[in-house]
Amino acid sequence: MTATDTPTVFATERDPKLRYIIPGVVAVAFLMEQLDSTIIVTAIPDIASTLDTTPLRMNLAITTYILTLAMFIPVSGWFADRFGARRIFALSLFVFTIGSVLCGMATSLPMLIATRALQGFGGAMMTPVGRLILIRSFPRSQLITAMTYMTLPAIVGPVIGPLLGGFLTTYFTWRWIFWVNLPFGIIGMLIALRFIEDTKRDEAMKFDFPGFLMVGLGCVLLQYGIENIGRPTIPAIAIALTLVAACLLLFGFVRYARSVESPAVDLTLFAHRTFRIGTLAGGICRVGLNGVPFLLPLMLQIGFGMSPLTSGYLTFVSSISALAIRPILSKVLRLYGFRHVLVWSAVAGSIAVAGFALLEPDTPHWIIMAYVFLFGLTRSCQFMTSNTLSYSDTPEAQLSRATSLGGVLQQLSVSFGVSIGAMLLGLVTLDGSALTPEKFHLVFLMSAILPLLGLPGFIKLKPEDGAQVSGYRRKGEEG
């Protein structure tokens, strides 16, 4: 047997305790990154009062974080391959933690915006590099388990963020919504440096700075343009020019990437059917589902007149459903395969989003909780399945770039889901009318169309796609 024939021995196989340590530290990092996307929402009035600004201008503190994430995620794979996954992951935790401490110390809105950008830079590296560490630590047969640890924080974070933010702001101070990251960041750095392998792939690889600028600025401008459609802070002509510039930059990169040996984003990954469908079709489907964690608390508080804490505990149950579906997802995929699970979870997700239009101010709380739990099951199933499919057949040599690109698309699906939800709310109140329950119902019905847009991609999947991960076999193929 030659050296090239030697089978790969994964870290979790050499040391069984790493099956829990590595996913644990990566999951905590993911949770911090996701929490800070939403935890600030319920604290906006208090922060605005302290920093002597208006709640409307505080929107910049939210979008700055998300836009920085979107801009810097594309280069995370290059940094991991060039300098080592462990080093970059630990460094990203350090930057994120320092950014969190400085956010809590902010004395003005410009200082908060700058420190939120620093937070976003750390989070942009933390998420895809952590995903890469997970994939390289587990054999393909255990990929579903590994990807579950990656997906759960993305599902739970946006749900518990407003509840935790409201609690800390009410009983302590808004500054603690940032300082709470400090102990987790320190512990995460120490564990990462002790237990995670410092894998590298190509130390000589050059950094594609022009490509990075095109992709990063394109994502930033696209996100900013969508944000302004429903809540305009710039004239309509400026919004249109922003969106046109974003599209030109992104399409320009597609042409540019063909002539570069190592572009900032490896578009050849889309040649793999499972990656293409898992990220693009799955991403489109997730945009529709990701609007709910933003829209539902607003409907419960503004439309139904509930308090932030009441709204928080009613929506929190969707995180429980994410935990509930995890043990059975592997069995479901083995029985039915990726194609059937993705198709039916998209349909069920669309129906579930539309169903929120049936909720009324006098709907009993237990019914709302039960329905939110049901929605959480369909959302979790779709998220976990599409994320696992994306990397199921990706060659080892392309994993770092795949996780980088996958991270961009996943983050954009979250931010676009929130932005489109806000845009639709803005459109139904263009006449200056109040946000009544009926207006929210209309937005939920419109949002329900989005998950169905992923169906054409899911239907194109073949039975063998991702089979080495799911273990699915058609009847007659057993044995």
Protein backbone atom coordinates (compact mmCIF):
# COMPACT_ATOMS: atom_id res chain seq x y z
CA MET A 1 0.00 0.00 0.00
CA THR A 2 1.41 3.39 -1.01
CA ALA A 3 1.31 6.56 1.02
CA THR A 4 -1.49 7.90 -1.12
CA ASP A 5 -3.51 4.74 -0.46
CA THR A 6 -3.30 5.13 3.31
CA PRO A 7 -6.82 5.68 4.62
CA THR A 8 -7.52 8.98 6.36
CA VAL A 9 -7.80 8.71 10.13
CA PHE A 10 -10.02 11.48 11.45
CA ALA A 11 -9.39 13.24 14.75
CA THR A 12 -12.65 11.96 16.23
CA GLU A 13 -11.63 8.38 15.41
CA ARG A 14 -8.21 8.70 17.06
CA ASP A 15 -9.68 10.26 20.20
CA PRO A 16 -13.38 9.49 20.82
CA LYS A 17 -13.81 12.32 23.33
CA LEU A 18 -13.23 14.80 20.50
CA ARG A 19 -16.61 13.73 19.09
CA TYR A 20 -18.09 15.92 21.82
CA ILE A 21 -15.35 18.49 22.48
CA ILE A 22 -14.89 19.72 18.88
CA PRO A 23 -18.62 20.03 18.04
CA GLY A 24 -19.18 21.61 21.45
CA VAL A 25 -16.69 24.45 21.04
CA VAL A 26 -17.70 25.04 17.42
CA ALA A 27 -21.39 25.06 18.36
CA VAL A 28 -20.77 27.67 21.09
CA ALA A 29 -18.91 29.86 18.59
CA PHE A 30 -21.75 29.53 16.08
CA LEU A 31 -24.30 30.33 18.78
CA MET A 32 -22.47 33.52 19.80
CA GLU A 33 -22.31 34.65 16.17
CA GLN A 34 -26.01 33.94 15.58
CA LEU A 35 -27.15 35.43 18.89
CA ASP A 36 -25.48 38.74 18.13
CA SER A 37 -27.46 39.01 14.90
CA THR A 38 -30.71 39.38 16.87
CA ILE A 39 -29.99 39.91 20.58
CA ILE A 40 -29.70 43.67 20.08
CA VAL A 41 -33.28 44.03 18.74
CA THR A 42 -35.13 44.19 22.07
CA ALA A 43 -32.48 46.50 23.58
CA ILE A 44 -32.62 49.17 20.86
CA PRO A 45 -34.69 51.76 22.83
CA ASP A 46 -32.40 51.53 25.88
CA ILE A 47 -29.22 51.70 23.80
CA ALA A 48 -30.55 54.67 21.81
CA SER A 49 -31.37 56.52 25.03
CA THR A 50 -27.92 55.85 26.51
CA LEU A 51 -26.07 56.87 23.34
CA ASP A 52 -28.27 59.94 22.79
CA THR A 53 -29.61 58.88 19.40
CA THR A 54 -32.92 57.71 17.92
CA PRO A 55 -34.12 54.09 17.72
CA LEU A 56 -34.40 54.47 13.92
CA ARG A 57 -30.69 55.26 13.56
CA MET A 58 -29.89 52.20 15.70
CA ASN A 59 -30.74 50.12 12.64
CA LEU A 60 -27.14 50.80 11.54
CA ALA A 61 -25.84 48.78 14.48
CA ILE A 62 -27.76 45.74 13.21
CA THR A 63 -27.02 46.03 9.50
CA THR A 64 -23.33 46.83 10.06
CA TYR A 65 -22.85 43.50 11.81
CA ILE A 66 -24.68 41.50 9.13
CA LEU A 67 -23.00 43.30 6.24
CA THR A 68 -19.53 42.75 7.70
CA LEU A 69 -20.32 39.06 8.07
CA ALA A 70 -21.42 38.86 4.44
CA MET A 71 -18.35 40.72 3.18
CA PHE A 72 -15.63 38.76 4.97
CA ILE A 73 -17.00 35.20 4.95
CA PRO A 74 -15.73 34.63 1.35
CA VAL A 75 -12.05 34.92 2.40
CA SER A 76 -12.25 32.70 5.49
CA GLY A 77 -11.43 29.52 3.58
CA TRP A 78 -8.26 31.09 2.14
CA PHE A 79 -7.09 32.15 5.59
CA ALA A 80 -7.76 28.65 6.98
CA ASP A 81 -5.82 26.96 4.18
CA ARG A 82 -2.99 29.48 4.33
CA PHE A 83 -2.46 29.87 8.07
CA GLY A 84 -4.19 26.80 9.56
CA ALA A 85 -7.78 26.17 10.65
CA ARG A 86 -6.99 26.08 14.39
CA ARG A 87 -5.10 29.37 14.36
CA ILE A 88 -7.75 31.21 12.37
CA PHE A 89 -10.60 29.79 14.46
CA ALA A 90 -8.91 30.80 17.73
CA LEU A 91 -8.03 34.22 16.28
CA SER A 92 -11.61 34.76 15.11
CA LEU A 93 -12.88 33.93 18.61
CA PHE A 94 -10.42 36.46 20.04
CA VAL A 95 -11.48 39.22 17.61
CA PHE A 96 -15.17 38.51 18.19
CA THR A 97 -14.73 38.55 21.97
CA ILE A 98 -12.74 41.80 21.94
CA GLY A 99 -15.36 43.31 19.65
CA SER A 100 -18.10 42.24 22.09
CA VAL A 101 -16.33 43.83 25.06
CA LEU A 102 -15.84 47.09 23.15
CA CYS A 103 -19.51 47.08 22.03
CA GLY A 104 -20.51 46.98 25.70
CA MET A 105 -18.21 49.91 26.41
CA ALA A 106 -19.55 52.08 23.55
CA THR A 107 -20.26 55.71 24.48
CA SER A 108 -21.56 56.88 21.09
CA LEU A 109 -23.35 55.48 18.04
CA PRO A 110 -20.27 55.75 15.75
CA MET A 111 -18.23 53.80 18.34
CA LEU A 112 -20.93 51.12 18.55
CA ILE A 113 -21.08 50.83 14.74
CA ALA A 114 -17.28 50.48 14.52
CA THR A 115 -17.14 47.82 17.25
CA ARG A 116 -20.07 45.94 15.71
CA ALA A 117 -18.07 45.83 12.48
CA LEU A 118 -15.15 44.33 14.44
CA GLN A 119 -17.55 41.76 15.89
CA GLY A 120 -18.78 40.95 12.40
CA PHE A 121 -15.24 40.44 11.12
CA GLY A 122 -14.55 37.90 13.87
CA GLY A 123 -17.88 36.17 13.25
CA ALA A 124 -17.25 36.03 9.51
CA MET A 125 -14.11 33.95 10.11
CA MET A 126 -15.56 31.96 12.99
CA THR A 127 -18.54 30.41 11.22
CA PRO A 128 -17.10 28.89 7.99
CA VAL A 129 -13.77 27.91 9.58
CA GLY A 130 -15.63 26.19 12.40
CA ARG A 131 -17.73 24.36 9.81
CA LEU A 132 -14.55 23.31 8.01
CA ILE A 133 -13.06 21.98 11.26
CA LEU A 134 -16.18 19.89 11.84
CA ILE A 135 -16.13 18.42 8.35
CA ARG A 136 -12.42 17.56 8.57
CA SER A 137 -12.81 16.02 12.03
CA PHE A 138 -15.58 13.52 11.19
CA PRO A 139 -15.70 10.73 8.57
CA ARG A 140 -18.37 11.14 5.90
CA SER A 141 -20.52 8.44 7.49
CA GLN A 142 -20.91 10.70 10.56
CA LEU A 143 -21.39 13.93 8.61
CA ILE A 144 -25.08 14.23 9.51
CA THR A 145 -24.19 14.31 13.19
CA ALA A 146 -21.43 16.87 12.61
CA MET A 147 -23.62 19.15 10.48
CA THR A 148 -26.39 19.00 13.09
CA TYR A 149 -24.07 20.69 15.58
CA MET A 150 -23.42 23.37 12.97
CA THR A 151 -27.08 23.97 12.14
CA LEU A 152 -28.66 23.97 15.60
CA PRO A 153 -27.05 27.26 16.70
CA ALA A 154 -28.20 28.89 13.44
CA ILE A 155 -31.75 27.83 14.30
CA VAL A 156 -31.69 28.46 18.03
CA GLY A 157 -29.71 31.73 18.05
CA PRO A 158 -32.20 33.98 16.20
CA VAL A 159 -35.02 32.55 18.35
CA ILE A 160 -33.55 33.04 21.83
CA GLY A 161 -31.70 36.25 20.93
CA PRO A 162 -34.63 38.65 21.48
CA LEU A 163 -35.71 36.80 24.64
CA LEU A 164 -32.22 36.87 26.15
CA GLY A 165 -31.71 40.47 25.06
CA GLY A 166 -34.98 41.52 26.68
CA PHE A 167 -34.12 39.70 29.90
CA LEU A 168 -30.61 41.16 30.22
CA THR A 169 -31.79 44.65 29.33
CA THR A 170 -34.71 44.51 31.78
CA TYR A 171 -32.93 43.05 34.80
CA PHE A 172 -29.32 44.20 34.26
CA THR A 173 -28.16 46.61 31.53
CA TRP A 174 -28.04 46.48 27.73
CA ARG A 175 -24.25 46.33 27.91
CA TRP A 176 -24.48 42.75 29.21
CA ILE A 177 -25.94 41.56 25.89
CA PHE A 178 -22.38 41.99 24.61
CA TRP A 179 -20.36 41.21 27.73
CA VAL A 180 -22.05 37.82 28.10
CA ASN A 181 -19.82 36.63 25.23
CA LEU A 182 -16.61 37.17 27.23
CA PRO A 183 -16.42 33.90 29.24
CA PHE A 184 -17.54 31.79 26.29
CA GLY A 185 -14.98 33.40 24.01
CA ILE A 186 -12.10 32.81 26.44
CA ILE A 187 -13.06 29.18 27.10
CA GLY A 188 -13.57 28.56 23.38
CA MET A 189 -10.11 29.91 22.52
CA LEU A 190 -8.41 27.73 25.14
CA ILE A 191 -10.24 24.56 24.04
CA ALA A 192 -9.59 25.27 20.34
CA LEU A 193 -5.85 25.72 20.90
CA ARG A 194 -5.71 22.54 22.97
CA PHE A 195 -7.83 20.06 21.01
CA ILE A 196 -8.29 21.21 17.37
CA GLU A 197 -5.75 20.18 14.72
CA ASP A 198 -4.07 23.01 12.80
CA THR A 199 -4.78 21.65 9.33
CA LYS A 200 -3.50 23.45 6.24
CA ARG A 201 -3.93 22.77 2.54
CA ASP A 202 -1.94 25.24 0.44
CA GLU A 203 0.39 27.74 2.09
CA ALA A 204 1.52 29.13 -1.27
CA MET A 205 -1.98 30.06 -2.42
CA LYS A 206 -2.25 33.76 -3.36
CA PHE A 207 -5.00 35.96 -2.01
CA ASP A 208 -7.43 37.15 -4.70
CA PHE A 209 -7.89 40.73 -3.52
CA PRO A 210 -9.78 42.03 -6.64
CA GLY A 211 -12.19 39.08 -6.44
CA PHE A 212 -12.68 39.65 -2.73
CA LEU A 213 -13.60 43.29 -3.35
CA MET A 214 -16.08 42.40 -6.08
CA VAL A 215 -17.84 39.69 -4.08
CA GLY A 216 -17.68 41.52 -0.76
CA LEU A 217 -18.90 44.87 -2.06
CA GLY A 218 -21.50 43.12 -4.22
CA CYS A 219 -22.96 41.32 -1.19
CA VAL A 220 -22.85 44.47 0.93
CA LEU A 221 -24.59 46.62 -1.69
CA LEU A 222 -27.21 43.94 -2.42
CA GLN A 223 -28.02 43.60 1.28
CA TYR A 224 -28.08 47.38 1.76
CA GLY A 225 -30.36 47.87 -1.23
CA ILE A 226 -32.88 45.30 -0.03
CA GLU A 227 -32.79 46.81 3.47
CA ASN A 228 -33.78 50.18 2.02
CA ILE A 229 -36.70 49.02 -0.12
CA GLY A 230 -38.99 48.60 2.86
CA ARG A 231 -37.30 51.07 5.24
CA PRO A 232 -35.74 53.71 2.95
CA THR A 233 -32.93 55.84 4.37
CA ILE A 234 -31.81 56.99 0.91
CA PRO A 235 -33.78 58.24 -2.16
CA ALA A 236 -35.45 55.71 -4.45
CA ILE A 237 -33.01 56.41 -7.30
CA ALA A 238 -30.09 55.71 -4.94
CA ILE A 239 -31.67 52.39 -3.93
CA ALA A 240 -32.04 51.40 -7.60
CA LEU A 241 -28.44 52.39 -8.37
CA THR A 242 -27.23 50.43 -5.34
CA LEU A 243 -28.97 47.25 -6.52
CA VAL A 244 -27.72 47.72 -10.09
CA ALA A 245 -24.16 48.20 -8.84
CA ALA A 246 -24.44 45.06 -6.69
CA CYS A 247 -25.62 42.98 -9.64
CA LEU A 248 -22.88 44.36 -11.92
CA LEU A 249 -20.20 43.54 -9.35
CA LEU A 250 -21.46 39.99 -8.79
CA PHE A 251 -21.94 39.25 -12.49
CA GLY A 252 -18.57 40.82 -13.18
CA PHE A 253 -16.99 38.45 -10.68
CA VAL A 254 -18.52 35.46 -12.47
CA ARG A 255 -16.67 36.47 -15.64
CA TYR A 256 -13.52 37.42 -13.74
CA ALA A 257 -13.37 34.10 -11.84
CA ARG A 258 -13.00 32.16 -15.09
CA SER A 259 -9.64 33.77 -15.76
CA VAL A 260 -8.14 33.43 -12.26
CA GLU A 261 -6.45 30.30 -10.93
CA SER A 262 -7.63 30.71 -7.31
CA PRO A 263 -10.56 33.17 -7.13
CA ALA A 264 -11.86 34.46 -3.79
CA VAL A 265 -14.99 32.34 -4.28
CA ASP A 266 -14.63 29.04 -6.12
CA LEU A 267 -17.60 29.00 -8.51
CA THR A 268 -16.53 25.59 -9.89
CA LEU A 269 -18.11 24.16 -6.74
CA PHE A 270 -21.49 24.61 -8.39
CA ALA A 271 -20.49 21.89 -10.85
CA HIS A 272 -21.26 19.45 -8.01
CA ARG A 273 -25.00 18.87 -8.14
CA THR A 274 -25.42 18.28 -4.41
CA PHE A 275 -23.54 21.45 -3.47
CA ARG A 276 -25.39 23.52 -6.08
CA ILE A 277 -28.83 22.34 -5.00
CA GLY A 278 -28.07 22.30 -1.28
CA THR A 279 -26.78 25.89 -1.24
CA LEU A 280 -28.82 27.61 -3.97
CA ALA A 281 -32.19 25.85 -3.86
CA GLY A 282 -31.82 25.32 -0.12
CA GLY A 283 -30.81 28.96 0.33
CA ILE A 284 -33.84 30.26 -1.56
CA CYS A 285 -36.10 28.04 0.54
CA ARG A 286 -34.43 29.21 3.75
CA VAL A 287 -34.95 32.89 2.86
CA GLY A 288 -38.71 32.40 3.19
CA LEU A 289 -38.35 30.45 6.44
CA ASN A 290 -35.82 32.88 7.94
CA GLY A 291 -38.25 35.76 7.84
CA VAL A 292 -40.46 34.19 10.52
CA PRO A 293 -38.14 34.72 13.54
CA PHE A 294 -38.15 38.42 12.63
CA LEU A 295 -41.85 38.81 11.71
CA LEU A 296 -43.45 36.70 14.44
CA PRO A 297 -42.15 38.64 17.50
CA LEU A 298 -43.19 41.88 15.80
CA MET A 299 -46.70 40.57 15.17
CA LEU A 300 -47.01 39.34 18.74
CA GLN A 301 -45.78 42.62 20.23
CA ILE A 302 -47.01 45.31 17.81
CA GLY A 303 -50.02 43.51 16.31
CA PHE A 304 -51.21 41.58 19.36
CA GLY A 305 -49.95 43.92 22.11
CA MET A 306 -47.85 41.35 23.98
CA SER A 307 -44.80 42.19 26.09
CA PRO A 308 -41.30 41.32 24.83
CA LEU A 309 -40.93 38.57 27.44
CA THR A 310 -44.30 37.00 26.58
CA SER A 311 -43.44 37.11 22.90
CA GLY A 312 -40.05 35.62 23.70
CA TYR A 313 -41.26 32.58 25.55
CA LEU A 314 -43.93 31.86 22.92
CA THR A 315 -41.37 31.85 20.09
CA PHE A 316 -38.66 30.09 22.09
CA VAL A 317 -40.36 26.70 21.66
CA SER A 318 -39.16 26.49 18.07
CA SER A 319 -35.65 25.91 19.45
CA ILE A 320 -37.01 22.91 21.34
CA SER A 321 -38.38 21.47 18.09
CA ALA A 322 -34.91 21.84 16.57
CA LEU A 323 -33.57 19.58 19.30
CA ALA A 324 -36.50 17.18 18.96
CA ILE A 325 -36.01 16.46 15.26
CA ARG A 326 -32.26 15.84 15.43
CA PRO A 327 -32.41 12.21 16.69
CA ILE A 328 -34.85 11.12 13.97
CA LEU A 329 -33.45 13.00 10.97
CA SER A 330 -30.79 10.37 10.21
CA LYS A 331 -33.43 7.64 10.14
CA VAL A 332 -35.73 9.72 7.93
CA LEU A 333 -32.93 10.39 5.43
CA ARG A 334 -31.95 6.73 5.38
CA LEU A 335 -35.54 5.72 4.62
CA TYR A 336 -36.48 8.39 2.07
CA GLY A 337 -33.27 10.08 0.82
CA PHE A 338 -32.43 13.75 0.39
CA ARG A 339 -34.79 14.39 -2.53
CA HIS A 340 -38.02 13.41 -0.80
CA VAL A 341 -37.12 15.00 2.53
CA LEU A 342 -36.19 18.34 0.95
CA VAL A 343 -39.25 18.46 -1.31
CA TRP A 344 -41.72 17.71 1.44
CA SER A 345 -40.04 19.90 4.06
CA ALA A 346 -40.18 22.83 1.59
CA VAL A 347 -43.90 22.27 1.00
CA ALA A 348 -44.57 21.81 4.71
CA GLY A 349 -42.52 24.93 5.48
CA SER A 350 -44.52 27.00 3.01
CA ILE A 351 -47.81 25.82 4.52
CA ALA A 352 -46.51 26.50 8.03
CA VAL A 353 -45.48 30.09 7.14
CA ALA A 354 -48.91 30.76 5.62
CA GLY A 355 -50.55 29.28 8.72
CA PHE A 356 -49.32 32.17 10.87
CA ALA A 357 -51.97 34.26 9.10
CA LEU A 358 -54.58 32.30 11.08
CA LEU A 359 -53.31 33.50 14.46
CA GLU A 360 -55.34 36.25 16.13
CA PRO A 361 -54.83 38.41 19.26
CA ASP A 362 -57.29 36.21 21.16
CA THR A 363 -55.68 32.91 20.09
CA PRO A 364 -54.82 30.94 23.26
CA HIS A 365 -51.11 30.99 24.06
CA TRP A 366 -50.86 27.21 24.13
CA ILE A 367 -52.11 27.04 20.54
CA ILE A 368 -49.53 29.63 19.44
CA MET A 369 -46.78 27.66 21.20
CA ALA A 370 -47.90 24.39 19.63
CA TYR A 371 -47.97 25.95 16.16
CA VAL A 372 -44.56 27.57 16.59
CA PHE A 373 -43.23 24.16 17.65
CA LEU A 374 -44.69 22.58 14.49
CA PHE A 375 -43.15 25.29 12.32
CA GLY A 376 -39.81 24.74 14.04
CA LEU A 377 -39.89 21.06 13.09
CA THR A 378 -40.32 21.81 9.37
CA ARG A 379 -37.74 24.64 9.45
CA SER A 380 -35.16 22.52 11.28
CA CYS A 381 -35.69 19.59 8.93
CA GLN A 382 -35.14 21.79 5.88
CA PHE A 383 -32.08 23.53 7.33
CA MET A 384 -30.28 20.42 8.55
CA THR A 385 -31.02 18.40 5.42
CA SER A 386 -29.98 21.04 2.87
CA ASN A 387 -26.81 21.88 4.81
CA THR A 388 -25.81 18.23 5.04
CA LEU A 389 -26.52 17.68 1.33
CA SER A 390 -24.29 20.64 0.38
CA TYR A 391 -21.10 18.91 1.59
CA SER A 392 -22.09 15.26 1.19
CA ASP A 393 -20.28 14.75 -2.14
CA THR A 394 -17.78 17.62 -2.08
CA PRO A 395 -14.17 16.47 -2.71
CA GLU A 396 -11.82 16.84 0.27
CA ALA A 397 -9.55 19.26 -1.61
CA GLN A 398 -12.43 21.71 -2.08
CA LEU A 399 -13.94 21.53 1.39
CA SER A 400 -12.42 24.77 2.69
CA ARG A 401 -13.71 26.73 -0.30
CA ALA A 402 -17.05 24.92 -0.13
CA THR A 403 -17.56 25.87 3.51
CA SER A 404 -16.56 29.44 2.74
CA LEU A 405 -19.04 29.80 -0.12
CA GLY A 406 -21.68 27.84 1.77
CA GLY A 407 -21.21 30.17 4.73
CA VAL A 408 -21.76 33.23 2.54
CA LEU A 409 -24.98 31.84 1.12
CA GLN A 410 -26.23 30.68 4.52
CA GLN A 411 -25.57 34.06 6.12
CA LEU A 412 -27.17 35.87 3.22
CA SER A 413 -30.25 33.65 3.48
CA VAL A 414 -30.63 34.80 7.10
CA SER A 415 -30.11 38.49 6.39
CA PHE A 416 -32.18 38.43 3.18
CA GLY A 417 -34.99 36.67 5.04
CA VAL A 418 -35.07 39.46 7.62
CA SER A 419 -34.68 42.18 4.98
CA ILE A 420 -37.43 40.80 2.75
CA GLY A 421 -39.73 40.47 5.75
CA ALA A 422 -39.04 44.11 6.66
CA MET A 423 -39.45 45.14 3.02
CA LEU A 424 -42.88 43.48 2.80
CA LEU A 425 -43.96 45.15 6.04
CA GLY A 426 -42.90 48.47 4.58
CA LEU A 427 -44.80 47.85 1.36
CA VAL A 428 -48.10 46.99 3.09
CA THR A 429 -47.85 50.21 5.14
CA LEU A 430 -46.82 52.59 2.36
CA ASP A 431 -50.05 54.53 2.96
CA GLY A 432 -48.89 55.33 6.49
CA SER A 433 -51.35 52.94 8.14
CA ALA A 434 -50.55 51.12 11.37
CA LEU A 435 -49.16 47.61 11.56
CA THR A 436 -52.36 45.77 12.36
CA PRO A 437 -52.67 41.96 12.67
CA GLU A 438 -54.22 41.91 9.20
CA LYS A 439 -51.10 43.54 7.71
CA PHE A 440 -48.89 40.90 9.32
CA HIS A 441 -51.20 38.16 8.02
CA LEU A 442 -50.78 39.48 4.48
CA VAL A 443 -46.98 39.52 4.83
CA PHE A 444 -46.94 35.93 6.07
CA LEU A 445 -49.04 34.82 3.09
CA MET A 446 -46.65 36.55 0.68
CA SER A 447 -43.62 35.10 2.46
CA ALA A 448 -45.07 31.59 2.13
CA ILE A 449 -44.37 31.67 -1.61
CA LEU A 450 -40.60 31.84 -1.12
CA PRO A 451 -39.93 28.30 0.23
CA LEU A 452 -41.65 26.85 -2.83
CA LEU A 453 -39.10 28.51 -5.13
CA GLY A 454 -36.55 25.89 -4.06
CA LEU A 455 -38.67 22.98 -5.33
CA PRO A 456 -37.36 22.97 -8.95
CA GLY A 457 -33.85 22.37 -7.60
CA PHE A 458 -34.85 19.71 -5.07
CA ILE A 459 -36.80 17.76 -7.70
CA LYS A 460 -33.63 17.46 -9.84
CA LEU A 461 -31.84 15.45 -7.15
CA LYS A 462 -31.09 11.81 -7.99
CA PRO A 463 -31.45 8.86 -5.60
CA GLU A 464 -27.67 8.42 -5.38
CA ASP A 465 -27.02 12.06 -4.45
CA GLY A 466 -25.61 12.14 -0.93
CA ALA A 467 -26.28 8.43 -0.49
CA GLN A 468 -22.92 7.81 1.18
CA VAL A 469 -24.02 10.20 3.91
CA SER A 470 -27.73 9.38 4.19
CA GLY A 471 -27.38 5.62 3.66
CA TYR A 472 -30.47 5.74 1.41
CA ARG A 473 -31.01 2.82 -0.95
CA ARG A 474 -33.86 2.37 -3.38
CA LYS A 475 -35.92 -0.80 -3.09
CA GLY A 476 -34.08 -3.66 -4.71
CA GLU A 477 -30.65 -2.14 -4.04
CA GLU A 478 -30.25 -3.42 -0.48
CA GLY A 479 -27.31 -5.75 -0.03
